[in-house]
Amino acid sequence: MFKKAQKRTNYWSKIRKKAPKVPDITCPDIDWVVNQLEKAIGKTLTQTQFKKIERKMEKLRVTNEQLRENGVYWHDACKETVRDLLGKKKSSDTPWFYRSSLD
């Protein structure tokens, strides 16, 4: 009984170990951009203000990419886990949790 529980724990640990980092919360950054744009309504946006907004938006783009990669990782991890549980053949000879993210 204990070995079965340990096997599940090890299996889950391998999945989580390979998981990409979850990015920080982005709501404050989005709020900041919206606030800056609201302040600029009816006024001219200076180059400095534009650059600040642009940097913040690029940070949000990177965070969005990280979230997307995270979703793909967990989708594939769940798919392979279900295959393992159902005893179906894996899509590769290498276990999914040992494959690189580029495969």
N, C-alpha and C. Protein backbone atom coordinates (compact mmCIF):
# COMPACT_ATOMS: atom_id res chain seq x y z
N MET A 1 0.82 -1.19 0.00
CA MET A 1 0.00 0.00 0.00
C MET A 1 0.87 1.26 0.00
N PHE A 2 1.91 1.26 0.86
CA PHE A 2 2.78 2.43 0.95
C PHE A 2 3.55 2.65 -0.34
N LYS A 3 3.99 1.56 -0.97
CA LYS A 3 4.74 1.68 -2.22
C LYS A 3 3.91 2.33 -3.31
N LYS A 4 2.63 2.01 -3.35
CA LYS A 4 1.75 2.59 -4.37
C LYS A 4 1.61 4.10 -4.16
N ALA A 5 1.44 4.51 -2.91
CA ALA A 5 1.33 5.94 -2.61
C ALA A 5 2.64 6.65 -2.92
N GLN A 6 3.77 6.01 -2.60
CA GLN A 6 5.08 6.59 -2.88
C GLN A 6 5.29 6.73 -4.38
N LYS A 7 4.84 5.74 -5.16
CA LYS A 7 4.98 5.78 -6.61
C LYS A 7 4.21 6.97 -7.19
N ARG A 8 2.98 7.20 -6.68
CA ARG A 8 2.18 8.34 -7.12
C ARG A 8 2.86 9.66 -6.77
N THR A 9 3.42 9.73 -5.55
CA THR A 9 4.10 10.94 -5.11
C THR A 9 5.32 11.22 -5.99
N ASN A 10 6.08 10.19 -6.31
CA ASN A 10 7.25 10.34 -7.18
C ASN A 10 6.82 10.77 -8.57
N TYR A 11 5.77 10.17 -9.08
CA TYR A 11 5.25 10.50 -10.40
C TYR A 11 4.86 11.98 -10.46
N TRP A 12 4.11 12.43 -9.46
CA TRP A 12 3.67 13.83 -9.40
C TRP A 12 4.87 14.76 -9.24
N SER A 13 5.85 14.37 -8.44
CA SER A 13 7.05 15.20 -8.25
C SER A 13 7.80 15.40 -9.56
N LYS A 14 7.89 14.36 -10.37
CA LYS A 14 8.57 14.47 -11.66
C LYS A 14 7.83 15.44 -12.57
N ILE A 15 6.51 15.39 -12.54
CA ILE A 15 5.71 16.30 -13.36
C ILE A 15 5.94 17.75 -12.91
N ARG A 16 5.83 17.98 -11.64
CA ARG A 16 5.95 19.35 -11.11
C ARG A 16 7.36 19.90 -11.26
N LYS A 17 8.38 19.03 -11.15
CA LYS A 17 9.77 19.48 -11.26
C LYS A 17 10.05 20.10 -12.62
N LYS A 18 9.47 19.55 -13.67
CA LYS A 18 9.69 20.03 -15.03
C LYS A 18 8.78 21.19 -15.40
N ALA A 19 7.83 21.53 -14.54
CA ALA A 19 6.85 22.58 -14.86
C ALA A 19 7.52 23.94 -14.96
N PRO A 20 7.10 24.75 -15.94
CA PRO A 20 7.64 26.10 -16.04
C PRO A 20 7.17 26.97 -14.87
N LYS A 21 7.95 28.00 -14.58
CA LYS A 21 7.61 28.92 -13.49
C LYS A 21 6.34 29.70 -13.86
N VAL A 22 5.47 29.84 -12.88
CA VAL A 22 4.26 30.64 -13.09
C VAL A 22 4.66 32.11 -12.93
N PRO A 23 4.34 32.95 -13.92
CA PRO A 23 4.74 34.36 -13.83
C PRO A 23 3.96 35.11 -12.76
N ASP A 24 4.49 36.27 -12.41
CA ASP A 24 3.85 37.12 -11.41
C ASP A 24 2.49 37.61 -11.89
N ILE A 25 1.70 38.10 -10.97
CA ILE A 25 0.38 38.64 -11.27
C ILE A 25 0.56 39.90 -12.14
N THR A 26 -0.24 40.02 -13.18
CA THR A 26 -0.09 41.13 -14.12
C THR A 26 -1.14 42.22 -13.97
N CYS A 27 -2.15 42.01 -13.15
CA CYS A 27 -3.23 42.99 -13.01
C CYS A 27 -2.72 44.39 -12.64
N PRO A 28 -1.78 44.54 -11.71
CA PRO A 28 -1.28 45.88 -11.40
C PRO A 28 -0.62 46.56 -12.61
N ASP A 29 0.08 45.78 -13.42
CA ASP A 29 0.70 46.36 -14.62
C ASP A 29 -0.35 46.81 -15.62
N ILE A 30 -1.37 46.01 -15.80
CA ILE A 30 -2.45 46.37 -16.72
C ILE A 30 -3.16 47.63 -16.20
N ASP A 31 -3.43 47.66 -14.90
CA ASP A 31 -4.07 48.83 -14.29
C ASP A 31 -3.22 50.08 -14.49
N TRP A 32 -1.90 49.94 -14.34
CA TRP A 32 -1.00 51.07 -14.50
C TRP A 32 -1.06 51.61 -15.93
N VAL A 33 -1.02 50.72 -16.92
CA VAL A 33 -1.08 51.14 -18.33
C VAL A 33 -2.40 51.86 -18.61
N VAL A 34 -3.50 51.28 -18.16
CA VAL A 34 -4.81 51.91 -18.37
C VAL A 34 -4.85 53.28 -17.72
N ASN A 35 -4.34 53.39 -16.51
CA ASN A 35 -4.32 54.67 -15.80
C ASN A 35 -3.50 55.71 -16.56
N GLN A 36 -2.34 55.32 -17.06
CA GLN A 36 -1.50 56.25 -17.81
C GLN A 36 -2.19 56.72 -19.09
N LEU A 37 -2.86 55.80 -19.75
CA LEU A 37 -3.58 56.17 -20.98
C LEU A 37 -4.77 57.07 -20.68
N GLU A 38 -5.46 56.82 -19.57
CA GLU A 38 -6.58 57.69 -19.18
C GLU A 38 -6.08 59.11 -18.89
N LYS A 39 -4.93 59.21 -18.25
CA LYS A 39 -4.35 60.53 -17.95
C LYS A 39 -3.97 61.27 -19.22
N ALA A 40 -3.65 60.52 -20.28
CA ALA A 40 -3.19 61.14 -21.52
C ALA A 40 -4.34 61.55 -22.44
N ILE A 41 -5.57 61.23 -22.09
CA ILE A 41 -6.71 61.58 -22.93
C ILE A 41 -6.78 63.10 -23.07
N GLY A 42 -6.82 63.56 -24.31
CA GLY A 42 -6.90 64.99 -24.59
C GLY A 42 -5.58 65.72 -24.46
N LYS A 43 -4.52 65.00 -24.13
CA LYS A 43 -3.19 65.59 -23.98
C LYS A 43 -2.23 64.90 -24.94
N THR A 44 -1.07 65.48 -25.08
CA THR A 44 -0.05 64.86 -25.91
C THR A 44 0.75 63.88 -25.06
N LEU A 45 1.04 62.75 -25.63
CA LEU A 45 1.83 61.73 -24.94
C LEU A 45 3.30 62.01 -25.24
N THR A 46 4.09 62.25 -24.21
CA THR A 46 5.51 62.53 -24.42
C THR A 46 6.25 61.24 -24.77
N GLN A 47 7.44 61.41 -25.31
CA GLN A 47 8.27 60.24 -25.66
C GLN A 47 8.59 59.42 -24.40
N THR A 48 8.85 60.09 -23.29
CA THR A 48 9.16 59.40 -22.03
C THR A 48 7.96 58.59 -21.56
N GLN A 49 6.77 59.18 -21.60
CA GLN A 49 5.57 58.46 -21.20
C GLN A 49 5.34 57.26 -22.11
N PHE A 50 5.53 57.46 -23.41
CA PHE A 50 5.36 56.38 -24.36
C PHE A 50 6.32 55.23 -24.06
N LYS A 51 7.57 55.55 -23.80
CA LYS A 51 8.58 54.50 -23.51
C LYS A 51 8.23 53.72 -22.25
N LYS A 52 7.73 54.41 -21.22
CA LYS A 52 7.32 53.73 -19.98
C LYS A 52 6.19 52.74 -20.26
N ILE A 53 5.22 53.20 -21.03
CA ILE A 53 4.08 52.33 -21.37
C ILE A 53 4.55 51.17 -22.24
N GLU A 54 5.43 51.46 -23.18
CA GLU A 54 5.94 50.40 -24.06
C GLU A 54 6.69 49.33 -23.27
N ARG A 55 7.55 49.74 -22.33
CA ARG A 55 8.29 48.77 -21.51
C ARG A 55 7.33 47.89 -20.70
N LYS A 56 6.30 48.52 -20.14
CA LYS A 56 5.33 47.77 -19.34
C LYS A 56 4.57 46.78 -20.22
N MET A 57 4.22 47.20 -21.43
CA MET A 57 3.49 46.32 -22.34
C MET A 57 4.38 45.15 -22.81
N GLU A 58 5.66 45.40 -23.02
CA GLU A 58 6.58 44.31 -23.39
C GLU A 58 6.73 43.31 -22.26
N LYS A 59 6.74 43.81 -21.02
CA LYS A 59 6.78 42.92 -19.86
C LYS A 59 5.52 42.04 -19.84
N LEU A 60 4.37 42.65 -20.14
CA LEU A 60 3.12 41.88 -20.20
C LEU A 60 3.16 40.85 -21.32
N ARG A 61 3.78 41.19 -22.44
CA ARG A 61 3.90 40.23 -23.55
C ARG A 61 4.71 38.99 -23.13
N VAL A 62 5.81 39.23 -22.44
CA VAL A 62 6.65 38.12 -21.97
C VAL A 62 5.88 37.25 -20.98
N THR A 63 5.17 37.90 -20.08
CA THR A 63 4.37 37.17 -19.09
C THR A 63 3.29 36.34 -19.77
N ASN A 64 2.67 36.89 -20.79
CA ASN A 64 1.65 36.17 -21.54
C ASN A 64 2.25 34.94 -22.23
N GLU A 65 3.44 35.09 -22.79
CA GLU A 65 4.12 33.95 -23.42
C GLU A 65 4.42 32.86 -22.39
N GLN A 66 4.85 33.28 -21.19
CA GLN A 66 5.12 32.31 -20.13
C GLN A 66 3.86 31.56 -19.73
N LEU A 67 2.75 32.28 -19.63
CA LEU A 67 1.48 31.63 -19.30
C LEU A 67 1.08 30.63 -20.38
N ARG A 68 1.28 31.00 -21.63
CA ARG A 68 0.94 30.11 -22.73
C ARG A 68 1.80 28.84 -22.68
N GLU A 69 3.11 29.01 -22.46
CA GLU A 69 4.01 27.85 -22.34
C GLU A 69 3.60 26.97 -21.16
N ASN A 70 3.22 27.60 -20.07
CA ASN A 70 2.78 26.87 -18.89
C ASN A 70 1.54 26.04 -19.21
N GLY A 71 0.59 26.64 -19.92
CA GLY A 71 -0.63 25.92 -20.31
C GLY A 71 -0.34 24.74 -21.20
N VAL A 72 0.58 24.92 -22.16
CA VAL A 72 0.95 23.82 -23.06
C VAL A 72 1.61 22.70 -22.26
N TYR A 73 2.50 23.06 -21.34
CA TYR A 73 3.17 22.05 -20.52
C TYR A 73 2.16 21.21 -19.75
N TRP A 74 1.25 21.88 -19.03
CA TRP A 74 0.29 21.16 -18.20
C TRP A 74 -0.71 20.37 -19.05
N HIS A 75 -1.07 20.88 -20.21
CA HIS A 75 -1.96 20.13 -21.11
C HIS A 75 -1.28 18.83 -21.53
N ASP A 76 -0.02 18.93 -21.96
CA ASP A 76 0.71 17.73 -22.38
C ASP A 76 0.94 16.77 -21.22
N ALA A 77 1.24 17.33 -20.04
CA ALA A 77 1.45 16.50 -18.86
C ALA A 77 0.19 15.72 -18.50
N CYS A 78 -0.95 16.38 -18.55
CA CYS A 78 -2.22 15.71 -18.24
C CYS A 78 -2.54 14.65 -19.28
N LYS A 79 -2.30 14.96 -20.54
CA LYS A 79 -2.57 14.03 -21.62
C LYS A 79 -1.73 12.75 -21.46
N GLU A 80 -0.46 12.92 -21.17
CA GLU A 80 0.42 11.76 -20.97
C GLU A 80 0.05 10.99 -19.71
N THR A 81 -0.37 11.68 -18.66
CA THR A 81 -0.77 11.01 -17.42
C THR A 81 -2.01 10.16 -17.67
N VAL A 82 -2.97 10.68 -18.39
CA VAL A 82 -4.18 9.91 -18.71
C VAL A 82 -3.80 8.69 -19.55
N ARG A 83 -2.90 8.87 -20.51
CA ARG A 83 -2.44 7.72 -21.31
C ARG A 83 -1.80 6.67 -20.42
N ASP A 84 -0.97 7.12 -19.46
CA ASP A 84 -0.34 6.17 -18.54
C ASP A 84 -1.39 5.42 -17.73
N LEU A 85 -2.37 6.15 -17.22
CA LEU A 85 -3.40 5.54 -16.38
C LEU A 85 -4.26 4.56 -17.17
N LEU A 86 -4.49 4.88 -18.44
CA LEU A 86 -5.31 4.00 -19.28
C LEU A 86 -4.49 2.90 -19.95
N GLY A 87 -3.17 2.98 -19.79
CA GLY A 87 -2.29 1.96 -20.34
C GLY A 87 -2.10 2.08 -21.84
N LYS A 88 -2.35 3.26 -22.39
CA LYS A 88 -2.17 3.45 -23.82
C LYS A 88 -0.71 3.78 -24.12
N LYS A 89 -0.32 3.53 -25.36
CA LYS A 89 1.04 3.78 -25.78
C LYS A 89 1.33 5.28 -25.79
N LYS A 90 2.52 5.63 -25.32
CA LYS A 90 2.92 7.03 -25.31
C LYS A 90 3.27 7.49 -26.72
N SER A 91 3.27 8.80 -26.92
CA SER A 91 3.57 9.35 -28.24
C SER A 91 5.05 9.29 -28.57
N SER A 92 5.90 8.96 -27.60
CA SER A 92 7.34 8.89 -27.81
C SER A 92 7.92 7.80 -26.92
N ASP A 93 9.09 7.29 -27.27
CA ASP A 93 9.74 6.29 -26.44
C ASP A 93 10.27 6.92 -25.14
N THR A 94 10.64 8.18 -25.20
CA THR A 94 11.14 8.90 -24.03
C THR A 94 9.96 9.37 -23.20
N PRO A 95 9.98 9.11 -21.88
CA PRO A 95 8.88 9.61 -21.05
C PRO A 95 8.73 11.11 -21.21
N TRP A 96 7.50 11.60 -21.22
CA TRP A 96 7.23 13.01 -21.48
C TRP A 96 7.90 13.93 -20.49
N PHE A 97 8.08 13.46 -19.22
CA PHE A 97 8.65 14.36 -18.23
C PHE A 97 10.16 14.45 -18.34
N TYR A 98 10.77 13.65 -19.23
CA TYR A 98 12.21 13.77 -19.49
C TYR A 98 12.50 14.49 -20.79
N ARG A 99 11.47 14.70 -21.61
CA ARG A 99 11.66 15.38 -22.90
C ARG A 99 11.90 16.86 -22.69
N SER A 100 12.64 17.45 -23.62
CA SER A 100 12.84 18.91 -23.55
C SER A 100 11.56 19.57 -24.05
N SER A 101 11.43 20.84 -23.75
CA SER A 101 10.23 21.57 -24.18
C SER A 101 10.22 21.80 -25.68
N LEU A 102 11.33 21.54 -26.37
CA LEU A 102 11.39 21.76 -27.80
C LEU A 102 10.89 20.55 -28.61
N ASP A 103 10.74 19.40 -27.96
CA ASP A 103 10.28 18.19 -28.68
C ASP A 103 8.84 18.31 -29.08
